Amino acid sequence: MASHTDKAIKKYIPMSETAFYILLTLYAQPQHGYGIVKYVEHLTDGRLTLGSGTVYGTITKMLKDHLIVVYANEERKKIYEITELGIEVIEHEMTRLEELHKNALAHWRNKHD
């Protein structure tokens, strides 16, 4: 029988860019929704601007799937934190992306040598 981790990995991998950057932000530190949006804009040099509907829709799904939790509720702002399951999922995705990048570079270099 598949574990909770296996089910989450199957559901989220490959990960959408929105889901990846939400988890990556929370991997760095707990954050509220607007803070996630600003952090992602900073990380991507403005290439990616997440809409609030997209962010909160993904957050709602991740809360339900136990990848994140509400860490605190300060002045009407919920602060989100990644769970151990969320860490396992994002680290699995980072490993997958590292492999993609390594293989892409190897093929690109062969083509340009």
C-alpha atoms as a PDB file:
ATOM      1  CA  MET A   1       0.000   0.000   0.000  1.00  0.00           C
ATOM      2  CA  ALA A   2       1.304   3.471  -0.931  1.00  0.00           C
ATOM      3  CA  SER A   3       2.441   5.731   1.887  1.00  0.00           C
ATOM      4  CA  HIS A   4       1.163   9.251   2.464  1.00  0.00           C
ATOM      5  CA  THR A   5       4.493  10.529   1.055  1.00  0.00           C
ATOM      6  CA  ASP A   6       4.220   8.364  -2.069  1.00  0.00           C
ATOM      7  CA  LYS A   7       0.679   9.627  -2.689  1.00  0.00           C
ATOM      8  CA  ALA A   8       1.757  13.263  -2.299  1.00  0.00           C
ATOM      9  CA  ILE A   9       4.731  12.770  -4.617  1.00  0.00           C
ATOM     10  CA  LYS A  10       2.517  11.128  -7.227  1.00  0.00           C
ATOM     11  CA  LYS A  11      -0.019  13.974  -6.941  1.00  0.00           C
ATOM     12  CA  TYR A  12       2.451  16.890  -7.029  1.00  0.00           C
ATOM     13  CA  ILE A  13       5.372  15.700  -9.175  1.00  0.00           C
ATOM     14  CA  PRO A  14       5.993  17.057 -11.744  1.00  0.00           C
ATOM     15  CA  MET A  15       5.115  20.254  -9.920  1.00  0.00           C
ATOM     16  CA  SER A  16       3.593  23.397 -11.374  1.00  0.00           C
ATOM     17  CA  GLU A  17       5.810  26.457 -11.170  1.00  0.00           C
ATOM     18  CA  THR A  18       3.339  28.066  -8.761  1.00  0.00           C
ATOM     19  CA  ALA A  19       3.361  25.083  -6.395  1.00  0.00           C
ATOM     20  CA  PHE A  20       7.148  24.825  -6.623  1.00  0.00           C
ATOM     21  CA  TYR A  21       7.741  28.454  -5.721  1.00  0.00           C
ATOM     22  CA  ILE A  22       5.188  28.423  -2.890  1.00  0.00           C
ATOM     23  CA  LEU A  23       6.889  25.422  -1.297  1.00  0.00           C
ATOM     24  CA  LEU A  24      10.352  26.825  -2.023  1.00  0.00           C
ATOM     25  CA  THR A  25       9.411  30.088  -0.292  1.00  0.00           C
ATOM     26  CA  LEU A  26       8.090  28.233   2.749  1.00  0.00           C
ATOM     27  CA  TYR A  27      11.166  25.966   2.683  1.00  0.00           C
ATOM     28  CA  ALA A  28      13.183  29.143   3.315  1.00  0.00           C
ATOM     29  CA  GLN A  29      10.892  30.512   6.066  1.00  0.00           C
ATOM     30  CA  PRO A  30       7.248  30.745   7.177  1.00  0.00           C
ATOM     31  CA  GLN A  31       5.421  33.434   5.226  1.00  0.00           C
ATOM     32  CA  HIS A  32       1.998  34.956   4.552  1.00  0.00           C
ATOM     33  CA  GLY A  33       0.410  34.935   1.097  1.00  0.00           C
ATOM     34  CA  TYR A  34       1.519  38.408   0.040  1.00  0.00           C
ATOM     35  CA  GLY A  35       5.022  37.650   1.314  1.00  0.00           C
ATOM     36  CA  ILE A  36       5.085  34.557  -0.899  1.00  0.00           C
ATOM     37  CA  VAL A  37       4.122  36.654  -3.941  1.00  0.00           C
ATOM     38  CA  LYS A  38       6.857  39.231  -3.216  1.00  0.00           C
ATOM     39  CA  TYR A  39       9.508  36.575  -2.505  1.00  0.00           C
ATOM     40  CA  VAL A  40       8.749  34.773  -5.776  1.00  0.00           C
ATOM     41  CA  GLU A  41       8.941  38.051  -7.721  1.00  0.00           C
ATOM     42  CA  HIS A  42      12.333  38.678  -6.117  1.00  0.00           C
ATOM     43  CA  LEU A  43      13.643  35.138  -6.783  1.00  0.00           C
ATOM     44  CA  THR A  44      12.611  35.251 -10.443  1.00  0.00           C
ATOM     45  CA  ASP A  45      13.721  38.864 -11.030  1.00  0.00           C
ATOM     46  CA  GLY A  46      10.122  39.774 -11.795  1.00  0.00           C
ATOM     47  CA  ARG A  47       9.635  37.068 -14.444  1.00  0.00           C
ATOM     48  CA  LEU A  48       6.925  35.399 -12.395  1.00  0.00           C
ATOM     49  CA  THR A  49       4.166  37.376 -10.711  1.00  0.00           C
ATOM     50  CA  LEU A  50       1.746  35.083  -8.917  1.00  0.00           C
ATOM     51  CA  GLY A  51      -1.873  36.206  -8.779  1.00  0.00           C
ATOM     52  CA  SER A  52      -3.578  36.054  -5.405  1.00  0.00           C
ATOM     53  CA  GLY A  53      -6.267  33.670  -6.701  1.00  0.00           C
ATOM     54  CA  THR A  54      -3.627  31.255  -7.965  1.00  0.00           C
ATOM     55  CA  VAL A  55      -1.602  31.484  -4.746  1.00  0.00           C
ATOM     56  CA  TYR A  56      -4.569  30.993  -2.416  1.00  0.00           C
ATOM     57  CA  GLY A  57      -6.044  28.226  -4.563  1.00  0.00           C
ATOM     58  CA  THR A  58      -2.748  26.346  -4.425  1.00  0.00           C
ATOM     59  CA  ILE A  59      -2.327  27.076  -0.698  1.00  0.00           C
ATOM     60  CA  THR A  60      -5.819  25.699  -0.019  1.00  0.00           C
ATOM     61  CA  LYS A  61      -4.952  22.491  -1.894  1.00  0.00           C
ATOM     62  CA  MET A  62      -1.612  22.181  -0.078  1.00  0.00           C
ATOM     63  CA  LEU A  63      -3.265  22.718   3.316  1.00  0.00           C
ATOM     64  CA  LYS A  64      -5.758  19.952   2.521  1.00  0.00           C
ATOM     65  CA  ASP A  65      -2.916  17.653   1.419  1.00  0.00           C
ATOM     66  CA  HIS A  66      -0.860  18.470   4.564  1.00  0.00           C
ATOM     67  CA  LEU A  67       2.117  19.940   2.677  1.00  0.00           C
ATOM     68  CA  ILE A  68       1.756  23.168   4.630  1.00  0.00           C
ATOM     69  CA  VAL A  69       0.032  24.315   7.820  1.00  0.00           C
ATOM     70  CA  VAL A  70      -1.129  27.631   9.223  1.00  0.00           C
ATOM     71  CA  TYR A  71       1.742  28.514  11.541  1.00  0.00           C
ATOM     72  CA  ALA A  72       0.252  31.697  13.015  1.00  0.00           C
ATOM     73  CA  ASN A  73      -2.584  34.092  12.434  1.00  0.00           C
ATOM     74  CA  GLU A  74      -1.398  37.659  12.938  1.00  0.00           C
ATOM     75  CA  GLU A  75      -3.594  40.707  12.334  1.00  0.00           C
ATOM     76  CA  ARG A  76      -5.773  38.986   9.702  1.00  0.00           C
ATOM     77  CA  LYS A  77      -2.698  37.527   7.941  1.00  0.00           C
ATOM     78  CA  LYS A  78      -2.227  33.785   8.050  1.00  0.00           C
ATOM     79  CA  ILE A  79       1.405  32.723   8.216  1.00  0.00           C
ATOM     80  CA  TYR A  80       2.059  29.419   6.439  1.00  0.00           C
ATOM     81  CA  GLU A  81       4.765  26.887   7.242  1.00  0.00           C
ATOM     82  CA  ILE A  82       5.944  23.850   5.294  1.00  0.00           C
ATOM     83  CA  THR A  83       5.401  20.444   6.931  1.00  0.00           C
ATOM     84  CA  GLU A  84       7.743  17.450   6.938  1.00  0.00           C
ATOM     85  CA  LEU A  85       5.652  16.016   4.086  1.00  0.00           C
ATOM     86  CA  GLY A  86       5.995  19.285   2.178  1.00  0.00           C
ATOM     87  CA  ILE A  87       9.763  19.183   2.686  1.00  0.00           C
ATOM     88  CA  GLU A  88       9.913  15.628   1.326  1.00  0.00           C
ATOM     89  CA  VAL A  89       7.875  16.641  -1.727  1.00  0.00           C
ATOM     90  CA  ILE A  90       9.881  19.812  -2.526  1.00  0.00           C
ATOM     91  CA  GLU A  91      13.181  17.995  -2.041  1.00  0.00           C
ATOM     92  CA  HIS A  92      11.992  15.224  -4.366  1.00  0.00           C
ATOM     93  CA  GLU A  93      11.087  17.850  -6.967  1.00  0.00           C
ATOM     94  CA  MET A  94      14.433  19.647  -6.554  1.00  0.00           C
ATOM     95  CA  THR A  95      16.233  16.337  -7.177  1.00  0.00           C
ATOM     96  CA  ARG A  96      14.101  15.762 -10.291  1.00  0.00           C
ATOM     97  CA  LEU A  97      14.836  19.282 -11.565  1.00  0.00           C
ATOM     98  CA  GLU A  98      18.547  18.851 -10.878  1.00  0.00           C
ATOM     99  CA  GLU A  99      18.534  15.725 -13.058  1.00  0.00           C
ATOM    100  CA  LEU A 100      16.672  17.572 -15.826  1.00  0.00           C
ATOM    101  CA  HIS A 101      19.151  20.435 -15.671  1.00  0.00           C
ATOM    102  CA  LYS A 102      22.192  18.114 -15.704  1.00  0.00           C
ATOM    103  CA  ASN A 103      20.862  16.204 -18.720  1.00  0.00           C
ATOM    104  CA  ALA A 104      19.889  19.379 -20.574  1.00  0.00           C
ATOM    105  CA  LEU A 105      23.352  20.871 -20.059  1.00  0.00           C
ATOM    106  CA  ALA A 106      25.063  17.684 -21.210  1.00  0.00           C
ATOM    107  CA  HIS A 107      23.041  17.613 -24.426  1.00  0.00           C
ATOM    108  CA  TRP A 108      23.394  21.341 -25.013  1.00  0.00           C
ATOM    109  CA  ARG A 109      27.176  21.158 -24.566  1.00  0.00           C
ATOM    110  CA  ASN A 110      27.408  18.199 -26.976  1.00  0.00           C
ATOM    111  CA  LYS A 111      25.472  20.172 -29.555  1.00  0.00           C
ATOM    112  CA  HIS A 112      27.731  23.237 -29.185  1.00  0.00           C
ATOM    113  CA  ASP A 113      31.165  21.576 -28.948  1.00  0.00           C
END
